[in-house]
N, C-alpha and C. Protein backbone atom coordinates (compact mmCIF):
# COMPACT_ATOMS: atom_id res chain seq x y z
N ALA A 1 97.99 91.82 78.01
CA ALA A 1 97.45 91.74 79.52
C ALA A 1 97.67 90.50 79.67
N HIS A 2 98.47 90.33 81.16
CA HIS A 2 98.17 89.38 81.86
C HIS A 2 97.22 89.06 82.75
N ARG A 3 95.63 87.97 83.47
CA ARG A 3 95.14 87.84 83.90
C ARG A 3 95.17 86.37 84.50
N TYR A 4 94.33 87.14 85.65
CA TYR A 4 94.01 85.90 86.95
C TYR A 4 93.22 86.82 87.92
N LEU A 5 93.03 84.95 88.46
CA LEU A 5 91.62 84.80 89.06
C LEU A 5 91.63 84.22 89.94
N VAL A 6 90.89 84.55 91.02
CA VAL A 6 90.69 83.46 92.04
C VAL A 6 89.34 83.27 92.15
N ILE A 7 88.94 82.08 91.65
CA ILE A 7 87.15 81.91 92.15
C ILE A 7 86.38 80.29 92.95
N ASP A 8 85.62 80.55 92.75
CA ASP A 8 85.20 78.79 94.00
C ASP A 8 84.30 78.74 93.11
N LEU A 9 84.60 77.25 92.35
CA LEU A 9 84.18 76.63 91.15
C LEU A 9 83.55 74.70 92.26
N GLY A 10 82.59 74.10 91.60
CA GLY A 10 82.55 73.21 92.51
C GLY A 10 81.14 73.32 92.76
N TRP A 11 80.35 72.36 93.04
CA TRP A 11 79.01 71.79 93.28
C TRP A 11 78.66 71.07 95.13
N ASN A 12 77.34 72.63 95.09
CA ASN A 12 77.18 72.20 96.99
C ASN A 12 75.58 71.57 96.73
N GLN A 13 76.11 70.46 96.61
CA GLN A 13 74.99 69.32 96.97
C GLN A 13 74.35 69.74 95.00
N HIS A 14 73.44 69.53 94.33
CA HIS A 14 73.26 69.62 92.75
C HIS A 14 73.21 71.32 92.74
N ARG A 15 73.71 71.65 93.51
CA ARG A 15 74.50 73.65 92.37
C ARG A 15 75.00 73.44 91.88
N ARG A 16 75.65 74.38 90.61
CA ARG A 16 76.88 74.35 90.20
C ARG A 16 77.23 75.63 91.04
N VAL A 17 78.23 75.68 91.48
CA VAL A 17 79.36 77.24 92.62
C VAL A 17 79.97 77.41 91.11
N TYR A 18 79.93 78.78 91.43
CA TYR A 18 81.31 79.20 89.94
C TYR A 18 80.73 80.61 90.72
N ASN A 19 82.52 81.91 90.76
CA ASN A 19 81.96 82.53 91.89
C ASN A 19 83.86 83.31 91.69
N CYS A 20 83.25 84.70 90.37
CA CYS A 20 84.82 85.34 90.69
C CYS A 20 85.12 85.86 92.12
N LEU A 21 85.95 85.37 93.46
CA LEU A 21 86.00 85.88 94.03
C LEU A 21 86.96 87.66 93.79
N ILE A 22 88.22 86.84 92.90
CA ILE A 22 89.43 88.11 92.64
C ILE A 22 90.63 88.12 91.89
N HIS A 23 89.62 89.54 90.93
CA HIS A 23 89.89 89.54 89.23
C HIS A 23 91.53 90.51 88.80
N LEU A 24 92.21 90.13 88.83
CA LEU A 24 92.93 91.20 88.47
C LEU A 24 94.04 91.43 86.77
N ASP A 25 94.10 92.72 86.63
CA ASP A 25 95.20 91.99 85.52
C ASP A 25 96.15 92.90 85.42
N ILE A 26 97.20 92.76 84.55
CA ILE A 26 98.53 93.25 84.41
C ILE A 26 97.89 93.89 82.82
N LYS A 27 98.24 94.93 82.55
CA LYS A 27 98.07 95.89 81.61
C LYS A 27 98.86 97.55 81.22
N ASP A 28 99.78 97.31 80.48
CA ASP A 28 100.17 98.76 80.94
C ASP A 28 101.01 98.89 81.70
N ARG A 29 102.20 97.83 82.31
CA ARG A 29 103.08 97.99 83.62
C ARG A 29 102.34 98.61 84.95
N LYS A 30 100.66 98.30 84.86
CA LYS A 30 100.29 98.74 85.98
C LYS A 30 99.49 97.06 86.67
N ILE A 31 98.65 97.51 87.44
CA ILE A 31 97.87 96.20 88.15
C ILE A 31 96.30 96.86 88.33
N TRP A 32 95.67 95.83 87.79
CA TRP A 32 94.29 96.33 87.80
C TRP A 32 93.75 95.67 88.71
N ILE A 33 93.08 96.32 89.29
CA ILE A 33 92.35 95.58 90.87
C ILE A 33 90.53 95.16 90.21
N GLN A 34 89.94 94.17 89.66
CA GLN A 34 88.97 94.41 88.46
C GLN A 34 88.04 93.73 88.66
N ARG A 35 88.04 93.23 90.71
CA ARG A 35 87.21 92.67 91.85
C ARG A 35 88.01 91.97 92.13
N ASN A 36 86.90 92.39 93.39
CA ASN A 36 88.60 92.09 95.36
C ASN A 36 86.20 91.38 96.09
N GLN A 37 85.88 90.74 96.54
CA GLN A 37 84.84 89.79 96.78
C GLN A 37 85.14 88.96 98.13
N THR A 38 86.57 89.68 98.48
CA THR A 38 86.80 89.23 100.40
C THR A 38 87.15 90.84 100.67
N ASP A 39 87.70 90.45 102.76
CA ASP A 39 87.56 91.20 103.44
C ASP A 39 88.75 91.86 103.02
N ARG A 40 89.81 91.83 102.56
CA ARG A 40 91.84 91.67 102.17
C ARG A 40 91.21 93.15 101.69
N SER A 41 92.42 93.72 101.78
CA SER A 41 92.39 94.88 100.93
C SER A 41 94.09 94.71 100.01
N ILE A 42 93.15 94.37 98.72
CA ILE A 42 94.36 93.66 98.00
C ILE A 42 95.05 94.46 97.23
N ALA A 43 94.67 96.46 97.39
CA ALA A 43 95.82 97.55 97.25
C ALA A 43 96.21 97.40 97.32
N GLU A 44 96.11 97.09 99.26
CA GLU A 44 97.32 97.94 100.27
C GLU A 44 98.72 96.93 100.56
N GLU A 45 97.49 95.70 101.14
CA GLU A 45 98.88 94.87 100.70
C GLU A 45 99.87 94.89 99.45
N LEU A 46 99.53 95.51 98.02
CA LEU A 46 100.35 94.91 97.37
C LEU A 46 100.81 96.43 97.93
N VAL A 47 100.21 97.16 97.54
CA VAL A 47 101.39 98.05 98.36
C VAL A 47 102.58 97.60 99.36
N GLN A 48 101.72 97.09 100.07
CA GLN A 48 103.10 96.61 101.75
C GLN A 48 103.89 96.05 100.79
N MET A 49 104.13 95.47 99.69
CA MET A 49 104.73 94.28 99.34
C MET A 49 105.82 94.53 98.46
N GLY A 50 105.89 95.94 98.73
CA GLY A 50 106.31 97.33 97.42
C GLY A 50 105.72 98.09 96.35
N ILE A 51 104.68 97.19 95.87
CA ILE A 51 104.67 97.93 94.19
C ILE A 51 104.11 98.93 94.20
N PRO A 52 103.94 100.17 94.15
CA PRO A 52 104.32 102.31 94.47
C PRO A 52 102.64 102.56 93.67
N LYS A 53 101.85 102.98 94.53
CA LYS A 53 100.00 103.20 94.75
C LYS A 53 99.49 103.55 92.53
N GLU A 54 100.44 104.34 92.53
CA GLU A 54 100.54 104.51 91.12
C GLU A 54 100.90 103.91 90.29
N ASP A 55 100.99 102.57 90.80
CA ASP A 55 100.68 101.53 89.25
C ASP A 55 99.19 100.27 89.97
N ILE A 56 99.17 101.20 90.97
CA ILE A 56 97.47 99.79 91.03
C ILE A 56 96.64 101.18 90.39
N VAL A 57 95.54 100.13 90.19
CA VAL A 57 94.50 100.89 89.52
C VAL A 57 93.22 100.45 89.63
N LEU A 58 93.03 100.68 90.76
CA LEU A 58 91.04 100.54 91.01
C LEU A 58 90.13 100.74 90.11
N GLY A 59 90.78 99.34 89.27
CA GLY A 59 89.75 99.38 88.16
C GLY A 59 88.42 99.07 88.14
N VAL A 60 87.83 99.08 89.73
CA VAL A 60 86.61 98.83 90.71
C VAL A 60 85.64 99.99 90.50
N GLN A 61 86.83 100.33 90.97
CA GLN A 61 85.96 102.27 90.63
C GLN A 61 85.27 103.27 89.24
N PRO A 62 85.40 103.85 89.25
CA PRO A 62 84.68 104.16 87.91
C PRO A 62 85.65 105.54 87.66
N PRO A 63 86.13 105.75 86.47
CA PRO A 63 87.34 106.40 86.38
C PRO A 63 87.27 107.66 86.68
N TYR A 64 86.57 108.19 87.03
CA TYR A 64 85.85 109.79 87.36
C TYR A 64 86.95 110.20 88.99
N VAL A 65 85.80 108.91 90.17
CA VAL A 65 86.69 108.20 90.80
C VAL A 65 87.95 108.20 90.84
N ARG A 66 88.50 107.50 90.48
CA ARG A 66 89.82 106.95 90.91
C ARG A 66 91.39 108.32 90.36
N GLU A 67 90.76 108.58 90.44
CA GLU A 67 91.73 109.79 90.80
C GLU A 67 91.17 110.58 92.12
N ASP A 68 90.39 110.31 92.80
CA ASP A 68 90.94 111.29 94.29
C ASP A 68 91.14 109.69 95.48
N THR A 69 90.84 108.38 94.46
CA THR A 69 91.53 107.07 96.35
C THR A 69 93.18 106.70 95.64
N GLY A 70 94.00 108.18 95.62
CA GLY A 70 95.57 108.03 95.78
C GLY A 70 96.27 107.01 95.19
N TYR A 71 95.21 105.84 94.00
CA TYR A 71 95.99 105.40 93.44
C TYR A 71 96.14 105.49 91.87
N GLY A 72 96.77 104.74 90.93
CA GLY A 72 97.03 104.98 89.61
C GLY A 72 95.14 105.18 89.26
N VAL A 73 95.92 105.86 87.59
CA VAL A 73 94.19 106.69 86.73
C VAL A 73 94.50 105.84 85.77
N ALA A 74 94.36 105.77 84.59
CA ALA A 74 94.19 105.03 83.66
C ALA A 74 93.21 105.73 82.26
């Protein structure tokens, strides 16, 4: 599997900052959206780029909900 993360990392005065904003995995030829803490719809942006909906898995949703999302299931 391949893993891609966008993180906020650094310092805010004396406080350490570490937050995972986006986490995507590619496994079994599908893009798994594991975390999205942004105001953008990553799944819709991937579809607009030509990725078929069945190749995108909303890992942030429980398996029993994924069937009703219109995206891939795994």
